[in-house]
Amino acid sequence: MTAQRLSLLSSILLFSLIALCVIWEGWLAPIRPGGSWLTLKALPLMGAVFGVLKGRRYTYQWLSMLVLLYLSEGLIRMFDPGLMGVFAVLEALLATALFVCALWYSRLTAPSRSPRADT
């Protein structure tokens, strides 16, 4: 897979994870009726949007560490009853896929892998 395709896939996964966090905690299955402050958990992910869209390797590197928090939350909350558990599984799957894509993109775009001109 090329770096360009990984970048596109990472962007889709990132936007999907942000949307899931907001919709889940805001309307569909909030912890408290009427929504909760947990919608703010999407804010750290939004800090990565422009870096991912521009293909900045450094953003992919720290995003791969950040997304592990969302994976952990999904794994912990997957045993919640009803719709909350379903959303938690979906969050864990999206976070895992984003983690793999971010690592793979970081590896493909490493300076040590780019062709150098010998002088």
Protein backbone atom coordinates (compact mmCIF):
# COMPACT_ATOMS: atom_id res chain seq x y z
CA MET A 1 0.00 0.00 0.00
CA THR A 2 1.31 3.44 -0.86
CA ALA A 3 1.75 6.33 1.54
CA GLN A 4 -0.93 8.30 -0.30
CA ARG A 5 -3.53 5.55 0.18
CA LEU A 6 -2.57 5.15 3.82
CA SER A 7 -2.99 8.89 4.29
CA LEU A 8 -6.46 8.77 2.76
CA LEU A 9 -7.45 5.76 4.85
CA SER A 10 -6.08 7.39 8.01
CA SER A 11 -8.08 10.54 7.28
CA ILE A 12 -11.28 8.54 6.85
CA LEU A 13 -10.64 6.60 10.05
CA LEU A 14 -9.80 9.75 12.00
CA PHE A 15 -12.97 11.55 10.90
CA SER A 16 -15.01 8.41 11.62
CA LEU A 17 -13.59 8.15 15.14
CA ILE A 18 -14.28 11.83 15.81
CA ALA A 19 -17.85 11.50 14.54
CA LEU A 20 -18.40 8.34 16.58
CA CYS A 21 -17.20 10.02 19.79
CA VAL A 22 -19.47 13.03 19.32
CA ILE A 23 -22.56 11.12 18.20
CA TRP A 24 -22.15 8.39 20.81
CA GLU A 25 -21.72 10.65 23.83
CA GLY A 26 -23.93 13.45 22.55
CA TRP A 27 -27.09 11.77 21.33
CA LEU A 28 -27.26 8.04 20.74
CA ALA A 29 -26.02 6.46 23.99
CA PRO A 30 -24.73 9.07 26.42
CA ILE A 31 -23.85 8.18 29.99
CA ARG A 32 -26.39 10.72 31.24
CA PRO A 33 -29.70 11.48 29.51
CA GLY A 34 -29.52 14.59 27.36
CA GLY A 35 -25.84 14.19 26.47
CA SER A 36 -22.65 14.32 28.47
CA TRP A 37 -19.38 16.18 28.67
CA LEU A 38 -17.67 13.09 27.29
CA THR A 39 -18.24 14.52 23.82
CA LEU A 40 -15.13 16.58 24.59
CA LYS A 41 -13.06 13.42 24.24
CA ALA A 42 -13.07 14.14 20.50
CA LEU A 43 -11.05 17.35 20.97
CA PRO A 44 -7.59 15.71 21.17
CA LEU A 45 -8.32 13.89 17.92
CA MET A 46 -9.28 17.14 16.23
CA GLY A 47 -5.77 18.41 16.94
CA ALA A 48 -4.47 15.85 14.47
CA VAL A 49 -6.83 16.65 11.59
CA PHE A 50 -4.72 19.21 9.72
CA GLY A 51 -1.48 17.29 10.21
CA VAL A 52 -3.03 14.10 8.88
CA LEU A 53 -4.58 15.91 5.92
CA LYS A 54 -1.21 17.46 5.08
CA GLY A 55 0.63 14.16 5.52
CA ARG A 56 2.92 15.30 8.32
CA ARG A 57 4.85 12.34 9.63
CA TYR A 58 5.24 13.79 13.12
CA THR A 59 1.45 14.06 13.47
CA TYR A 60 1.06 10.42 12.52
CA GLN A 61 3.63 9.46 15.12
CA TRP A 62 1.93 11.17 18.05
CA LEU A 63 -1.51 10.21 16.77
CA SER A 64 -0.48 6.56 16.93
CA MET A 65 0.19 7.01 20.66
CA LEU A 66 -2.94 9.08 21.31
CA VAL A 67 -5.28 6.65 19.62
CA LEU A 68 -4.27 3.95 22.11
CA LEU A 69 -6.30 5.84 24.74
CA TYR A 70 -9.40 5.44 22.58
CA LEU A 71 -8.60 1.77 22.05
CA SER A 72 -8.32 1.31 25.82
CA GLU A 73 -11.63 3.06 26.42
CA GLY A 74 -13.33 0.93 23.80
CA LEU A 75 -11.97 -2.27 25.29
CA ILE A 76 -13.01 -1.29 28.81
CA ARG A 77 -16.50 -0.08 27.89
CA MET A 78 -17.29 -2.91 25.46
CA PHE A 79 -18.92 -4.82 28.29
CA ASP A 80 -21.44 -2.04 28.95
CA PRO A 81 -25.01 -3.12 28.26
CA GLY A 82 -26.90 -2.31 25.09
CA LEU A 83 -25.92 0.28 22.55
CA MET A 84 -23.03 1.58 24.65
CA GLY A 85 -21.23 -1.74 24.28
CA VAL A 86 -21.77 -1.76 20.52
CA PHE A 87 -20.32 1.74 20.18
CA ALA A 88 -17.39 0.75 22.38
CA VAL A 89 -16.57 -2.19 20.10
CA LEU A 90 -16.82 0.12 17.08
CA GLU A 91 -14.52 2.63 18.79
CA ALA A 92 -11.99 -0.11 19.53
CA LEU A 93 -12.06 -1.31 15.91
CA LEU A 94 -11.66 2.20 14.49
CA ALA A 95 -8.86 2.99 16.93
CA THR A 96 -7.03 -0.23 16.08
CA ALA A 97 -7.29 0.41 12.35
CA LEU A 98 -6.13 4.02 12.77
CA PHE A 99 -3.22 2.87 14.93
CA VAL A 100 -2.06 0.40 12.29
CA CYS A 101 -2.44 2.92 9.44
CA ALA A 102 -0.59 5.65 11.36
CA LEU A 103 2.30 3.33 12.18
CA TRP A 104 2.47 2.02 8.64
CA TYR A 105 2.43 5.55 7.20
CA SER A 106 5.17 6.63 9.62
CA ARG A 107 7.29 3.68 8.59
CA LEU A 108 6.82 4.25 4.85
CA THR A 109 7.66 7.94 5.07
CA ALA A 110 10.71 7.54 7.31
CA PRO A 111 13.70 9.57 6.08
CA SER A 112 15.84 6.43 6.16
CA ARG A 113 13.54 4.85 3.55
CA SER A 114 13.59 7.70 1.07
CA PRO A 115 16.06 7.47 -1.81
CA ARG A 116 19.13 9.62 -1.32
CA ALA A 117 21.30 11.21 -3.91
CA ASP A 118 24.91 10.23 -3.29
CA THR A 119 27.26 13.15 -3.48
